[in-house]
């Protein structure tokens, strides 16, 4: 039996869209996203979404319920609700799953001052009340909870990610 080609992820910041591909077979799934409010950019502390070649370094949250709240990449034991949000206004909600990205291009998205991994750039879930298709994050790629869980279940560490 021939192994299927590994999946890859293409993130189009202009379209605010994430496409999951299976090798040369074309799109397997397309999701609406929300990227960095400050636009595209690689500098540490910029709040921008880094461009270029990346890969998934770690997958966090397997088997946890949708809406699980993470802080510092660890589940807090909370599940997101509007009442919880009212208690913590202004919190940047990281929910359901985390796909932690690592840059592949030294000096662009990897290394001092521009390191995607050290900037804690993820693909992650966000409250379903947050708009998609509009750049509003602090640099991460936000997705609907059901979508990020679906994506999480289709990829593995090492999956290639292109952000353009």
Protein backbone atom coordinates (compact mmCIF):
# COMPACT_ATOMS: atom_id res chain seq x y z
CA UNK A 1 0.00 0.00 0.00
CA UNK A 2 1.29 3.46 -0.90
CA UNK A 3 1.26 6.07 1.88
CA UNK A 4 -0.87 9.10 1.05
CA UNK A 5 1.00 12.34 0.56
CA UNK A 6 1.29 14.35 3.78
CA UNK A 7 -1.07 17.26 4.30
CA UNK A 8 0.03 20.88 4.06
CA UNK A 9 -1.58 24.15 5.10
CA UNK A 10 -1.76 27.31 3.00
CA UNK A 11 -2.84 30.51 4.79
CA UNK A 12 -3.85 33.44 2.58
CA UNK A 13 -3.82 36.61 4.72
CA UNK A 14 -5.49 38.69 2.01
CA UNK A 15 -8.44 36.32 1.79
CA UNK A 16 -8.36 35.49 5.52
CA UNK A 17 -8.54 31.84 4.54
CA UNK A 18 -6.76 28.63 5.53
CA UNK A 19 -6.66 25.79 3.01
CA UNK A 20 -5.73 22.24 3.99
CA UNK A 21 -4.22 20.32 1.09
CA UNK A 22 -3.41 16.62 0.66
CA UNK A 23 -0.28 16.57 -1.46
CA UNK A 24 -1.05 17.42 -5.09
CA UNK A 25 -4.69 16.38 -4.73
CA UNK A 26 -5.89 19.92 -4.15
CA UNK A 27 -7.90 21.38 -1.30
CA UNK A 28 -9.32 18.99 1.27
CA UNK A 29 -10.88 21.71 3.44
CA UNK A 30 -11.10 25.51 3.43
CA UNK A 31 -11.67 27.54 6.60
CA UNK A 32 -12.24 31.21 7.35
CA UNK A 33 -9.67 32.71 9.76
CA UNK A 34 -8.74 35.89 11.58
CA UNK A 35 -5.06 36.90 11.47
CA UNK A 36 -3.10 39.75 13.09
CA UNK A 37 -4.86 43.07 13.55
CA UNK A 38 -1.53 44.79 12.84
CA UNK A 39 -1.14 43.07 9.48
CA UNK A 40 1.68 40.85 8.29
CA UNK A 41 5.16 41.06 9.79
CA UNK A 42 7.80 39.03 11.50
CA UNK A 43 9.23 41.29 14.22
CA UNK A 44 8.99 40.21 17.84
CA UNK A 45 6.45 42.33 19.73
CA UNK A 46 4.79 43.60 16.53
CA UNK A 47 1.44 41.85 16.96
CA UNK A 48 1.72 40.94 13.28
CA UNK A 49 1.24 37.55 11.65
CA UNK A 50 4.56 36.15 10.37
CA UNK A 51 4.81 35.19 6.71
CA UNK A 52 6.73 32.47 4.95
CA UNK A 53 7.45 28.77 5.38
CA UNK A 54 6.57 27.24 8.75
CA UNK A 55 5.74 23.85 10.20
CA UNK A 56 3.60 22.62 13.08
CA UNK A 57 6.01 22.11 15.99
CA UNK A 58 3.43 20.89 18.52
CA UNK A 59 -0.24 19.94 18.74
CA UNK A 60 -1.85 20.72 22.09
CA UNK A 61 -5.30 19.82 23.38
CA UNK A 62 -6.08 16.41 21.88
CA UNK A 63 -9.28 14.96 23.30
CA UNK A 64 -10.25 18.04 25.31
CA UNK A 65 -13.77 19.47 25.02
CA UNK A 66 -14.53 22.24 22.56
CA UNK A 67 -14.15 25.60 24.29
CA UNK A 68 -11.37 24.45 26.64
CA UNK A 69 -9.48 27.55 27.81
CA UNK A 70 -5.67 27.60 27.56
CA UNK A 71 -3.17 29.90 29.27
CA UNK A 72 0.52 29.35 28.67
CA UNK A 73 -0.42 26.37 26.45
CA UNK A 74 -2.00 24.56 29.40
CA UNK A 75 -5.70 23.94 29.95
CA UNK A 76 -7.01 26.03 32.85
CA UNK A 77 -9.86 23.66 33.68
CA UNK A 78 -12.33 26.25 32.37
CA UNK A 79 -14.66 26.02 29.40
CA UNK A 80 -15.40 29.26 27.60
CA UNK A 81 -18.80 30.84 28.20
CA UNK A 82 -20.03 34.43 27.73
CA UNK A 83 -20.27 34.68 31.55
CA UNK A 84 -16.58 33.72 31.87
CA UNK A 85 -15.72 36.31 29.21
CA UNK A 86 -17.59 38.98 31.23
CA UNK A 87 -15.38 38.16 34.23
CA UNK A 88 -12.19 38.57 32.15
CA UNK A 89 -12.69 41.46 29.71
CA UNK A 90 -9.86 41.97 27.26
CA UNK A 91 -8.44 38.44 27.63
CA UNK A 92 -7.06 36.99 24.40
CA UNK A 93 -8.99 33.71 24.39
CA UNK A 94 -7.07 30.65 23.19
CA UNK A 95 -9.60 27.85 22.98
CA UNK A 96 -10.10 24.18 22.05
CA UNK A 97 -6.78 23.35 20.30
CA UNK A 98 -3.33 24.85 19.70
CA UNK A 99 -1.21 24.17 16.62
CA UNK A 100 2.11 25.82 17.61
CA UNK A 101 4.05 27.08 14.59
CA UNK A 102 7.79 27.22 14.00
CA UNK A 103 9.47 29.19 11.19
CA UNK A 104 11.74 27.51 8.66
CA UNK A 105 13.47 30.60 7.25
CA UNK A 106 16.48 31.83 9.24
CA UNK A 107 16.45 35.61 9.62
CA UNK A 108 12.88 35.88 8.30
CA UNK A 109 10.70 33.88 10.71
CA UNK A 110 13.32 31.96 12.66
CA UNK A 111 16.11 33.33 14.82
CA UNK A 112 16.70 36.44 16.93
CA UNK A 113 14.00 39.10 16.76
CA UNK A 114 11.77 37.26 14.30
CA UNK A 115 11.26 33.75 15.71
CA UNK A 116 7.69 32.52 15.16
CA UNK A 117 8.05 29.76 17.75
CA UNK A 118 9.45 32.07 20.45
CA UNK A 119 6.73 34.62 19.61
CA UNK A 120 4.17 31.93 20.55
CA UNK A 121 2.37 32.10 17.20
CA UNK A 122 -0.38 29.49 17.01
CA UNK A 123 -3.35 28.40 14.99
CA UNK A 124 -6.02 28.22 17.71
CA UNK A 125 -9.71 28.39 18.49
CA UNK A 126 -11.43 31.59 19.56
CA UNK A 127 -14.92 32.41 20.85
CA UNK A 128 -17.47 31.65 18.15
CA UNK A 129 -18.85 35.16 18.66
CA UNK A 130 -15.59 36.63 17.24
CA UNK A 131 -15.72 37.55 13.55
CA UNK A 132 -13.83 35.54 10.97
CA UNK A 133 -12.56 37.01 7.71
CA UNK A 134 -11.32 40.11 9.56
CA UNK A 135 -7.78 40.57 10.96
CA UNK A 136 -8.26 40.96 14.74
CA UNK A 137 -5.73 38.71 16.50
CA UNK A 138 -2.48 39.57 18.28
CA UNK A 139 -0.56 37.77 15.51
CA UNK A 140 -1.94 34.24 15.73
CA UNK A 141 -4.32 32.57 13.30
CA UNK A 142 -7.75 32.33 14.96
CA UNK A 143 -10.38 29.84 13.85
CA UNK A 144 -13.86 28.74 14.85
CA UNK A 145 -13.66 26.01 17.50
CA UNK A 146 -15.25 23.30 15.35
CA UNK A 147 -12.90 24.21 12.49
CA UNK A 148 -9.70 24.15 14.56
CA UNK A 149 -10.69 20.79 16.04
CA UNK A 150 -11.35 19.42 12.54
CA UNK A 151 -8.00 20.75 11.28
CA UNK A 152 -6.16 19.46 14.39
CA UNK A 153 -7.48 15.95 13.74
CA UNK A 154 -6.20 16.00 10.11
CA UNK A 155 -2.58 17.11 10.67
CA UNK A 156 0.48 16.06 12.66
CA UNK A 157 3.67 17.65 13.96
CA UNK A 158 5.89 18.53 11.01
CA UNK A 159 2.99 19.49 8.74
CA UNK A 160 4.14 22.27 6.39
CA UNK A 161 2.43 25.65 6.77
CA UNK A 162 2.81 28.51 4.27
CA UNK A 163 1.60 31.95 5.39
CA UNK A 164 1.37 34.46 2.54
